[in-house]
Amino acid sequence: MVRSEQALALLATAFLLFIMPPGSQQGPHEKRLLNNLLGPYNVLERPVANESEPLEVKFGLTLQQIIDVDEKNQLLITNIWLSLEWNDYNLKWNESEYGGVKDLRITPNKLWKPDVLMYNSSTWCSIPNRVVIYQTSLQTENGT
């Protein structure tokens, strides 16, 4: 009986090690790039070269699912994906100086984000939950 419990524990441990995602795959080039980009970065500063310039934000909305329609209360419950894209003047680099790093994935709280609010929404939603920084642009996506 003890032997079968040990075998089960070993099997469970092997299973957990197999399904657990690996830690950060970040290499020295990506680490150096993140430090150089985000060290002086201010999340409150609108990312433009000249303060008088407008910042164009491309906004996309994709309807994923209609969950419910309440005709009596005139309420439509949906599942949507929002996509916001803009060029952040402060997040540019020469990929040859950073070992060919072309994009970065970081948490949204480290970057400036446009102030977007959905009016006539029955519930609160969070924007964004994923951020991908490309060599020449920044794009965020959110599924709500």
Protein backbone atom coordinates (compact mmCIF):
# COMPACT_ATOMS: atom_id res chain seq x y z
CA MET A 1 0.00 0.00 0.00
CA VAL A 2 2.81 2.42 0.85
CA ARG A 3 4.45 1.59 -2.45
CA SER A 4 1.30 2.45 -4.42
CA GLU A 5 1.01 5.79 -2.56
CA GLN A 6 4.62 6.59 -3.41
CA ALA A 7 4.01 5.71 -7.04
CA LEU A 8 0.89 7.89 -7.09
CA ALA A 9 2.79 10.80 -5.51
CA LEU A 10 5.60 10.41 -8.05
CA LEU A 11 3.08 10.30 -10.90
CA ALA A 12 1.29 13.42 -9.58
CA THR A 13 4.60 15.29 -9.27
CA ALA A 14 5.65 14.31 -12.79
CA PHE A 15 2.25 15.40 -14.11
CA LEU A 16 2.48 18.80 -12.38
CA LEU A 17 5.99 19.37 -13.71
CA PHE A 18 4.79 18.47 -17.19
CA ILE A 19 1.76 20.78 -17.25
CA MET A 20 3.25 23.73 -15.34
CA PRO A 21 4.34 26.51 -17.67
CA PRO A 22 8.04 27.28 -17.69
CA GLY A 23 9.33 30.45 -16.06
CA SER A 24 10.30 33.51 -17.98
CA GLN A 25 12.08 32.75 -21.23
CA GLN A 26 13.71 36.18 -21.15
CA GLY A 27 17.30 36.31 -22.29
CA PRO A 28 20.00 38.89 -21.62
CA HIS A 29 19.13 40.96 -24.72
CA GLU A 30 15.46 41.23 -23.78
CA LYS A 31 16.33 42.06 -20.17
CA ARG A 32 18.69 44.85 -21.26
CA LEU A 33 16.09 46.18 -23.72
CA LEU A 34 13.38 46.25 -21.05
CA ASN A 35 15.68 48.09 -18.65
CA ASN A 36 16.66 50.63 -21.32
CA LEU A 37 13.08 51.23 -22.49
CA LEU A 38 11.22 51.21 -19.19
CA GLY A 39 13.85 52.75 -16.92
CA PRO A 40 13.10 56.36 -17.92
CA TYR A 41 9.50 55.61 -19.04
CA ASN A 42 6.66 57.59 -17.44
CA VAL A 43 3.20 55.96 -17.69
CA LEU A 44 1.51 59.35 -17.19
CA GLU A 45 3.27 60.98 -20.14
CA ARG A 46 1.43 60.94 -23.48
CA PRO A 47 3.87 59.21 -25.88
CA VAL A 48 4.51 61.86 -28.53
CA ALA A 49 7.66 63.63 -29.69
CA ASN A 50 6.01 67.06 -29.49
CA GLU A 51 3.35 67.88 -26.89
CA SER A 52 1.28 69.81 -29.44
CA GLU A 53 0.98 66.75 -31.72
CA PRO A 54 -2.14 64.58 -31.54
CA LEU A 55 -1.79 60.87 -30.83
CA GLU A 56 -3.78 58.64 -33.16
CA VAL A 57 -5.29 55.60 -31.45
CA LYS A 58 -6.84 52.96 -33.70
CA PHE A 59 -9.81 51.29 -32.05
CA GLY A 60 -11.27 47.96 -33.12
CA LEU A 61 -14.19 46.01 -31.72
CA THR A 62 -15.02 42.43 -32.61
CA LEU A 63 -18.26 40.84 -31.45
CA GLN A 64 -17.42 37.35 -30.23
CA GLN A 65 -20.74 36.24 -28.80
CA ILE A 66 -24.25 37.45 -27.96
CA ILE A 67 -24.83 35.98 -24.52
CA ASP A 68 -28.32 37.26 -23.75
CA VAL A 69 -30.98 39.64 -25.05
CA ASP A 70 -33.38 41.12 -22.49
CA GLU A 71 -36.00 42.90 -24.59
CA LYS A 72 -38.06 44.06 -21.62
CA ASN A 73 -35.12 45.91 -20.03
CA GLN A 74 -33.48 46.70 -23.38
CA LEU A 75 -30.28 44.98 -22.35
CA LEU A 76 -27.85 43.15 -24.63
CA ILE A 77 -25.13 41.07 -22.98
CA THR A 78 -22.17 40.33 -25.24
CA ASN A 79 -18.63 39.05 -25.27
CA ILE A 80 -16.38 41.38 -27.27
CA TRP A 81 -12.71 41.87 -28.07
CA LEU A 82 -11.34 45.38 -28.04
CA SER A 83 -8.15 46.16 -29.90
CA LEU A 84 -6.29 49.43 -29.37
CA GLU A 85 -3.21 50.34 -31.37
CA TRP A 86 -0.93 53.37 -31.29
CA ASN A 87 2.70 54.30 -31.85
CA ASP A 88 4.56 55.03 -28.64
CA TYR A 89 7.39 57.44 -29.39
CA ASN A 90 9.33 56.24 -26.33
CA LEU A 91 9.31 52.54 -27.22
CA LYS A 92 11.56 52.31 -30.26
CA TRP A 93 14.76 50.34 -30.59
CA ASN A 94 17.19 48.97 -33.14
CA GLU A 95 16.73 45.20 -33.07
CA SER A 96 20.33 44.60 -34.16
CA GLU A 97 21.50 46.22 -30.90
CA TYR A 98 19.41 43.80 -28.84
CA GLY A 99 20.12 40.40 -30.35
CA GLY A 100 17.29 40.54 -32.88
CA VAL A 101 14.50 41.11 -30.33
CA LYS A 102 11.48 42.19 -32.42
CA ASP A 103 8.72 42.32 -29.81
CA LEU A 104 8.13 42.36 -26.06
CA ARG A 105 5.25 41.18 -23.89
CA ILE A 106 4.85 43.02 -20.61
CA THR A 107 2.17 43.86 -18.08
CA PRO A 108 -0.11 46.77 -19.06
CA ASN A 109 0.47 48.75 -15.86
CA LYS A 110 4.02 49.59 -17.01
CA LEU A 111 2.85 51.54 -20.09
CA TRP A 112 0.82 54.59 -21.00
CA LYS A 113 -2.65 53.62 -22.15
CA PRO A 114 -5.39 55.74 -23.71
CA ASP A 115 -8.24 56.63 -21.38
CA VAL A 116 -11.06 54.57 -22.91
CA LEU A 117 -14.45 54.17 -21.28
CA MET A 118 -17.48 52.35 -22.62
CA TYR A 119 -20.63 54.40 -22.06
CA ASN A 120 -24.01 52.72 -21.52
CA SER A 121 -22.25 49.65 -20.23
CA SER A 122 -24.19 47.68 -17.64
CA THR A 123 -21.02 46.34 -16.02
CA TRP A 124 -17.46 47.45 -15.55
CA CYS A 125 -14.80 46.01 -17.83
CA SER A 126 -11.03 46.13 -17.72
CA ILE A 127 -8.86 47.41 -20.55
CA PRO A 128 -6.32 46.03 -21.49
CA ASN A 129 -5.22 42.66 -20.25
CA ARG A 130 -2.49 41.90 -22.80
CA VAL A 131 0.12 44.22 -24.23
CA VAL A 132 2.47 43.45 -27.09
CA ILE A 133 5.17 45.96 -27.98
CA TYR A 134 6.39 45.67 -31.55
CA GLN A 135 9.52 47.30 -32.80
CA THR A 136 7.55 50.10 -34.45
CA SER A 137 4.16 50.07 -32.68
CA LEU A 138 2.22 49.13 -29.57
CA GLN A 139 -0.94 47.07 -29.64
CA THR A 140 -3.21 45.99 -26.79
CA GLU A 141 -5.98 43.46 -26.86
CA ASN A 142 -8.70 42.66 -24.39
CA GLY A 143 -11.42 40.04 -24.37
CA THR A 144 -14.39 40.99 -22.20
